[in-house]
Amino acid sequence: MSADRRSLIDKIDALPPERVAEVEDFVDFIASREQGRALVRAAMKASEPSFARVWDNPEDDVYDALG
């Protein structure tokens, strides 16, 4: 176990039980948010081929030159 992880566990162990519950809620929140972000990234990756057909066409080449 890394020193940072051990230090965090020691700090949590020193908290009163109600504060440990708050820490657990916060960790759950962070994990949930990360899952949501991972889902968004996966959806973006999965949709790239579909959007490529729309975005990559000769009619829109003029717009590519604007950027």
PDB file of N, CA and C in Angstrom:
ATOM      1  N   MET A   1       0.854  -1.176   0.000  1.00  0.00           N
ATOM      2  CA  MET A   1       0.000   0.000   0.000  1.00  0.00           C
ATOM      3  C   MET A   1       0.898   1.236   0.000  1.00  0.00           C
ATOM      4  N   SER A   2       0.538   2.213  -0.810  1.00  0.00           N
ATOM      5  CA  SER A   2       1.353   3.422  -0.904  1.00  0.00           C
ATOM      6  C   SER A   2       1.243   4.249   0.377  1.00  0.00           C
ATOM      7  N   ALA A   3       2.229   5.108   0.572  1.00  0.00           N
ATOM      8  CA  ALA A   3       2.243   5.961   1.759  1.00  0.00           C
ATOM      9  C   ALA A   3       1.050   6.913   1.756  1.00  0.00           C
ATOM     10  N   ASP A   4       0.673   7.422   0.571  1.00  0.00           N
ATOM     11  CA  ASP A   4      -0.473   8.328   0.477  1.00  0.00           C
ATOM     12  C   ASP A   4      -1.760   7.623   0.903  1.00  0.00           C
ATOM     13  N   ARG A   5      -1.918   6.402   0.446  1.00  0.00           N
ATOM     14  CA  ARG A   5      -3.115   5.629   0.775  1.00  0.00           C
ATOM     15  C   ARG A   5      -3.159   5.322   2.275  1.00  0.00           C
ATOM     16  N   ARG A   6      -2.022   4.940   2.810  1.00  0.00           N
ATOM     17  CA  ARG A   6      -1.931   4.634   4.239  1.00  0.00           C
ATOM     18  C   ARG A   6      -2.238   5.877   5.069  1.00  0.00           C
ATOM     19  N   SER A   7      -1.721   7.016   4.634  1.00  0.00           N
ATOM     20  CA  SER A   7      -1.968   8.278   5.333  1.00  0.00           C
ATOM     21  C   SER A   7      -3.457   8.624   5.318  1.00  0.00           C
ATOM     22  N   LEU A   8      -4.103   8.434   4.185  1.00  0.00           N
ATOM     23  CA  LEU A   8      -5.535   8.706   4.077  1.00  0.00           C
ATOM     24  C   LEU A   8      -6.336   7.784   4.990  1.00  0.00           C
ATOM     25  N   ILE A   9      -5.987   6.518   4.998  1.00  0.00           N
ATOM     26  CA  ILE A   9      -6.691   5.563   5.863  1.00  0.00           C
ATOM     27  C   ILE A   9      -6.498   5.933   7.329  1.00  0.00           C
ATOM     28  N   ASP A  10      -5.288   6.343   7.706  1.00  0.00           N
ATOM     29  CA  ASP A  10      -5.034   6.761   9.089  1.00  0.00           C
ATOM     30  C   ASP A  10      -5.888   7.974   9.456  1.00  0.00           C
ATOM     31  N   LYS A  11      -6.010   8.903   8.543  1.00  0.00           N
ATOM     32  CA  LYS A  11      -6.842  10.091   8.801  1.00  0.00           C
ATOM     33  C   LYS A  11      -8.309   9.706   8.960  1.00  0.00           C
ATOM     34  N   ILE A  12      -8.786   8.818   8.107  1.00  0.00           N
ATOM     35  CA  ILE A  12     -10.182   8.368   8.203  1.00  0.00           C
ATOM     36  C   ILE A  12     -10.400   7.626   9.513  1.00  0.00           C
ATOM     37  N   ASP A  13      -9.462   6.780   9.889  1.00  0.00           N
ATOM     38  CA  ASP A  13      -9.565   6.034  11.149  1.00  0.00           C
ATOM     39  C   ASP A  13      -9.650   6.955  12.358  1.00  0.00           C
ATOM     40  N   ALA A  14      -9.066   8.140  12.259  1.00  0.00           N
ATOM     41  CA  ALA A  14      -9.060   9.079  13.380  1.00  0.00           C
ATOM     42  C   ALA A  14     -10.369   9.871  13.494  1.00  0.00           C
ATOM     43  N   LEU A  15     -11.215   9.783  12.491  1.00  0.00           N
ATOM     44  CA  LEU A  15     -12.477  10.538  12.501  1.00  0.00           C
ATOM     45  C   LEU A  15     -13.535   9.841  13.339  1.00  0.00           C
ATOM     46  N   PRO A  16     -14.475  10.639  13.866  1.00  0.00           N
ATOM     47  CA  PRO A  16     -15.624  10.022  14.539  1.00  0.00           C
ATOM     48  C   PRO A  16     -16.521   9.327  13.505  1.00  0.00           C
ATOM     49  N   PRO A  17     -17.294   8.331  13.934  1.00  0.00           N
ATOM     50  CA  PRO A  17     -18.096   7.537  12.989  1.00  0.00           C
ATOM     51  C   PRO A  17     -18.989   8.352  12.046  1.00  0.00           C
ATOM     52  N   GLU A  18     -19.590   9.422  12.537  1.00  0.00           N
ATOM     53  CA  GLU A  18     -20.473  10.201  11.650  1.00  0.00           C
ATOM     54  C   GLU A  18     -19.690  10.890  10.544  1.00  0.00           C
ATOM     55  N   ARG A  19     -18.452  11.245  10.818  1.00  0.00           N
ATOM     56  CA  ARG A  19     -17.617  11.858   9.780  1.00  0.00           C
ATOM     57  C   ARG A  19     -17.129  10.801   8.785  1.00  0.00           C
ATOM     58  N   VAL A  20     -16.879   9.611   9.266  1.00  0.00           N
ATOM     59  CA  VAL A  20     -16.497   8.514   8.366  1.00  0.00           C
ATOM     60  C   VAL A  20     -17.628   8.261   7.380  1.00  0.00           C
ATOM     61  N   ALA A  21     -18.865   8.341   7.858  1.00  0.00           N
ATOM     62  CA  ALA A  21     -20.021   8.167   6.973  1.00  0.00           C
ATOM     63  C   ALA A  21     -20.048   9.251   5.903  1.00  0.00           C
ATOM     64  N   GLU A  22     -19.682  10.487   6.270  1.00  0.00           N
ATOM     65  CA  GLU A  22     -19.627  11.570   5.287  1.00  0.00           C
ATOM     66  C   GLU A  22     -18.547  11.308   4.243  1.00  0.00           C
ATOM     67  N   VAL A  23     -17.398  10.825   4.702  1.00  0.00           N
ATOM     68  CA  VAL A  23     -16.312  10.505   3.781  1.00  0.00           C
ATOM     69  C   VAL A  23     -16.763   9.413   2.808  1.00  0.00           C
ATOM     70  N   GLU A  24     -17.438   8.413   3.341  1.00  0.00           N
ATOM     71  CA  GLU A  24     -17.926   7.328   2.488  1.00  0.00           C
ATOM     72  C   GLU A  24     -18.921   7.849   1.451  1.00  0.00           C
ATOM     73  N   ASP A  25     -19.830   8.728   1.871  1.00  0.00           N
ATOM     74  CA  ASP A  25     -20.782   9.322   0.933  1.00  0.00           C
ATOM     75  C   ASP A  25     -20.057  10.099  -0.167  1.00  0.00           C
ATOM     76  N   PHE A  26     -19.021  10.830   0.234  1.00  0.00           N
ATOM     77  CA  PHE A  26     -18.273  11.622  -0.744  1.00  0.00           C
ATOM     78  C   PHE A  26     -17.537  10.719  -1.733  1.00  0.00           C
ATOM     79  N   VAL A  27     -16.936   9.667  -1.239  1.00  0.00           N
ATOM     80  CA  VAL A  27     -16.240   8.716  -2.112  1.00  0.00           C
ATOM     81  C   VAL A  27     -17.236   8.069  -3.073  1.00  0.00           C
ATOM     82  N   ASP A  28     -18.421   7.722  -2.574  1.00  0.00           N
ATOM     83  CA  ASP A  28     -19.464   7.164  -3.449  1.00  0.00           C
ATOM     84  C   ASP A  28     -19.861   8.164  -4.529  1.00  0.00           C
ATOM     85  N   PHE A  29     -19.966   9.439  -4.149  1.00  0.00           N
ATOM     86  CA  PHE A  29     -20.309  10.490  -5.102  1.00  0.00           C
ATOM     87  C   PHE A  29     -19.250  10.592  -6.193  1.00  0.00           C
ATOM     88  N   ILE A  30     -17.978  10.601  -5.792  1.00  0.00           N
ATOM     89  CA  ILE A  30     -16.885  10.698  -6.759  1.00  0.00           C
ATOM     90  C   ILE A  30     -16.904   9.490  -7.702  1.00  0.00           C
ATOM     91  N   ALA A  31     -17.100   8.302  -7.151  1.00  0.00           N
ATOM     92  CA  ALA A  31     -17.135   7.090  -7.981  1.00  0.00           C
ATOM     93  C   ALA A  31     -18.302   7.139  -8.965  1.00  0.00           C
ATOM     94  N   SER A  32     -19.450   7.612  -8.510  1.00  0.00           N
ATOM     95  CA  SER A  32     -20.626   7.715  -9.368  1.00  0.00           C
ATOM     96  C   SER A  32     -20.379   8.717 -10.495  1.00  0.00           C
ATOM     97  N   ARG A  33     -19.783   9.831 -10.154  1.00  0.00           N
ATOM     98  CA  ARG A  33     -19.484  10.853 -11.160  1.00  0.00           C
ATOM     99  C   ARG A  33     -18.500  10.307 -12.191  1.00  0.00           C
ATOM    100  N   GLU A  34     -17.516   9.538 -11.739  1.00  0.00           N
ATOM    101  CA  GLU A  34     -16.548   8.958 -12.660  1.00  0.00           C
ATOM    102  C   GLU A  34     -17.211   7.946 -13.587  1.00  0.00           C
ATOM    103  N   GLN A  35     -18.145   7.164 -13.053  1.00  0.00           N
ATOM    104  CA  GLN A  35     -18.882   6.214 -13.901  1.00  0.00           C
ATOM    105  C   GLN A  35     -19.660   6.957 -14.971  1.00  0.00           C
ATOM    106  N   GLY A  36     -20.283   8.066 -14.584  1.00  0.00           N
ATOM    107  CA  GLY A  36     -21.026   8.870 -15.551  1.00  0.00           C
ATOM    108  C   GLY A  36     -20.133   9.408 -16.645  1.00  0.00           C
ATOM    109  N   ARG A  37     -18.953   9.864 -16.254  1.00  0.00           N
ATOM    110  CA  ARG A  37     -18.010  10.386 -17.245  1.00  0.00           C
ATOM    111  C   ARG A  37     -17.528   9.275 -18.169  1.00  0.00           C
ATOM    112  N   ALA A  38     -17.290   8.104 -17.608  1.00  0.00           N
ATOM    113  CA  ALA A  38     -16.854   6.977 -18.432  1.00  0.00           C
ATOM    114  C   ALA A  38     -17.944   6.603 -19.433  1.00  0.00           C
ATOM    115  N   LEU A  39     -19.183   6.658 -19.008  1.00  0.00           N
ATOM    116  CA  LEU A  39     -20.300   6.348 -19.899  1.00  0.00           C
ATOM    117  C   LEU A  39     -20.380   7.367 -21.032  1.00  0.00           C
ATOM    118  N   VAL A  40     -20.199   8.630 -20.708  1.00  0.00           N
ATOM    119  CA  VAL A  40     -20.225   9.672 -21.738  1.00  0.00           C
ATOM    120  C   VAL A  40     -19.080   9.463 -22.735  1.00  0.00           C
ATOM    121  N   ARG A  41     -17.885   9.154 -22.227  1.00  0.00           N
ATOM    122  CA  ARG A  41     -16.752   8.908 -23.126  1.00  0.00           C
ATOM    123  C   ARG A  41     -17.022   7.720 -24.041  1.00  0.00           C
ATOM    124  N   ALA A  42     -17.598   6.664 -23.488  1.00  0.00           N
ATOM    125  CA  ALA A  42     -17.908   5.476 -24.295  1.00  0.00           C
ATOM    126  C   ALA A  42     -18.950   5.806 -25.362  1.00  0.00           C
ATOM    127  N   ALA A  43     -19.956   6.587 -24.998  1.00  0.00           N
ATOM    128  CA  ALA A  43     -20.989   6.971 -25.970  1.00  0.00           C
ATOM    129  C   ALA A  43     -20.394   7.838 -27.079  1.00  0.00           C
ATOM    130  N   MET A  44     -19.505   8.739 -26.703  1.00  0.00           N
ATOM    131  CA  MET A  44     -18.858   9.581 -27.711  1.00  0.00           C
ATOM    132  C   MET A  44     -18.044   8.730 -28.676  1.00  0.00           C
ATOM    133  N   LYS A  45     -17.293   7.798 -28.133  1.00  0.00           N
ATOM    134  CA  LYS A  45     -16.468   6.927 -28.969  1.00  0.00           C
ATOM    135  C   LYS A  45     -17.335   6.069 -29.895  1.00  0.00           C
ATOM    136  N   ALA A  46     -18.436   5.560 -29.357  1.00  0.00           N
ATOM    137  CA  ALA A  46     -19.320   4.710 -30.160  1.00  0.00           C
ATOM    138  C   ALA A  46     -20.020   5.497 -31.266  1.00  0.00           C
ATOM    139  N   SER A  47     -20.249   6.784 -31.053  1.00  0.00           N
ATOM    140  CA  SER A  47     -20.970   7.580 -32.050  1.00  0.00           C
ATOM    141  C   SER A  47     -20.055   8.176 -33.117  1.00  0.00           C
ATOM    142  N   GLU A  48     -18.744   8.129 -32.914  1.00  0.00           N
ATOM    143  CA  GLU A  48     -17.824   8.730 -33.881  1.00  0.00           C
ATOM    144  C   GLU A  48     -18.023   8.230 -35.312  1.00  0.00           C
ATOM    145  N   PRO A  49     -18.151   6.920 -35.543  1.00  0.00           N
ATOM    146  CA  PRO A  49     -18.338   6.474 -36.933  1.00  0.00           C
ATOM    147  C   PRO A  49     -19.609   7.042 -37.577  1.00  0.00           C
ATOM    148  N   SER A  50     -20.671   7.142 -36.809  1.00  0.00           N
ATOM    149  CA  SER A  50     -21.916   7.681 -37.363  1.00  0.00           C
ATOM    150  C   SER A  50     -21.765   9.152 -37.719  1.00  0.00           C
ATOM    151  N   PHE A  51     -21.146   9.909 -36.832  1.00  0.00           N
ATOM    152  CA  PHE A  51     -20.974  11.333 -37.099  1.00  0.00           C
ATOM    153  C   PHE A  51     -19.943  11.582 -38.195  1.00  0.00           C
ATOM    154  N   ALA A  52     -18.987  10.689 -38.343  1.00  0.00           N
ATOM    155  CA  ALA A  52     -17.978  10.865 -39.380  1.00  0.00           C
ATOM    156  C   ALA A  52     -18.624  10.930 -40.759  1.00  0.00           C
ATOM    157  N   ARG A  53     -19.665  10.140 -40.962  1.00  0.00           N
ATOM    158  CA  ARG A  53     -20.365  10.168 -42.262  1.00  0.00           C
ATOM    159  C   ARG A  53     -21.026  11.522 -42.491  1.00  0.00           C
ATOM    160  N   VAL A  54     -21.449  12.167 -41.425  1.00  0.00           N
ATOM    161  CA  VAL A  54     -22.102  13.467 -41.546  1.00  0.00           C
ATOM    162  C   VAL A  54     -21.065  14.575 -41.684  1.00  0.00           C
ATOM    163  N   TRP A  55     -20.021  14.510 -40.876  1.00  0.00           N
ATOM    164  CA  TRP A  55     -19.031  15.589 -40.839  1.00  0.00           C
ATOM    165  C   TRP A  55     -18.022  15.528 -41.972  1.00  0.00           C
ATOM    166  N   ASP A  56     -17.655  14.340 -42.392  1.00  0.00           N
ATOM    167  CA  ASP A  56     -16.597  14.189 -43.394  1.00  0.00           C
ATOM    168  C   ASP A  56     -17.206  13.974 -44.774  1.00  0.00           C
ATOM    169  N   ASN A  57     -17.510  15.079 -45.419  1.00  0.00           N
ATOM    170  CA  ASN A  57     -18.056  14.984 -46.770  1.00  0.00           C
ATOM    171  C   ASN A  57     -17.569  16.188 -47.579  1.00  0.00           C
ATOM    172  N   PRO A  58     -17.507  16.054 -48.885  1.00  0.00           N
ATOM    173  CA  PRO A  58     -16.964  17.138 -49.725  1.00  0.00           C
ATOM    174  C   PRO A  58     -17.761  18.438 -49.620  1.00  0.00           C
ATOM    175  N   GLU A  59     -19.048  18.349 -49.390  1.00  0.00           N
ATOM    176  CA  GLU A  59     -19.871  19.559 -49.320  1.00  0.00           C
ATOM    177  C   GLU A  59     -19.481  20.436 -48.136  1.00  0.00           C
ATOM    178  N   ASP A  60     -18.958  19.828 -47.087  1.00  0.00           N
ATOM    179  CA  ASP A  60     -18.610  20.590 -45.885  1.00  0.00           C
ATOM    180  C   ASP A  60     -17.129  20.956 -45.799  1.00  0.00           C
ATOM    181  N   ASP A  61     -16.363  20.644 -46.832  1.00  0.00           N
ATOM    182  CA  ASP A  61     -14.935  20.964 -46.808  1.00  0.00           C
ATOM    183  C   ASP A  61     -14.689  22.459 -46.638  1.00  0.00           C
ATOM    184  N   VAL A  62     -15.572  23.275 -47.152  1.00  0.00           N
ATOM    185  CA  VAL A  62     -15.408  24.721 -47.036  1.00  0.00           C
ATOM    186  C   VAL A  62     -15.447  25.149 -45.560  1.00  0.00           C
ATOM    187  N   TYR A  63     -16.244  24.469 -44.759  1.00  0.00           N
ATOM    188  CA  TYR A  63     -16.325  24.797 -43.339  1.00  0.00           C
ATOM    189  C   TYR A  63     -15.059  24.367 -42.598  1.00  0.00           C
ATOM    190  N   ASP A  64     -14.423  23.301 -43.065  1.00  0.00           N
ATOM    191  CA  ASP A  64     -13.177  22.855 -42.462  1.00  0.00           C
ATOM    192  C   ASP A  64     -12.092  23.921 -42.604  1.00  0.00           C
ATOM    193  N   ALA A  65     -12.127  24.653 -43.707  1.00  0.00           N
ATOM    194  CA  ALA A  65     -11.118  25.669 -43.959  1.00  0.00           C
ATOM    195  C   ALA A  65     -11.298  26.894 -43.046  1.00  0.00           C
ATOM    196  N   LEU A  66     -12.473  27.071 -42.483  1.00  0.00           N
ATOM    197  CA  LEU A  66     -12.729  28.223 -41.622  1.00  0.00           C
ATOM    198  C   LEU A  66     -12.023  28.108 -40.270  1.00  0.00           C
ATOM    199  N   GLY A  67     -11.859  26.880 -39.761  1.00  0.00           N
ATOM    200  CA  GLY A  67     -11.326  26.647 -38.421  1.00  0.00           C
ATOM    201  C   GLY A  67      -9.912  26.951 -38.295  1.00  0.00           C
TER     202      GLY A  67
END
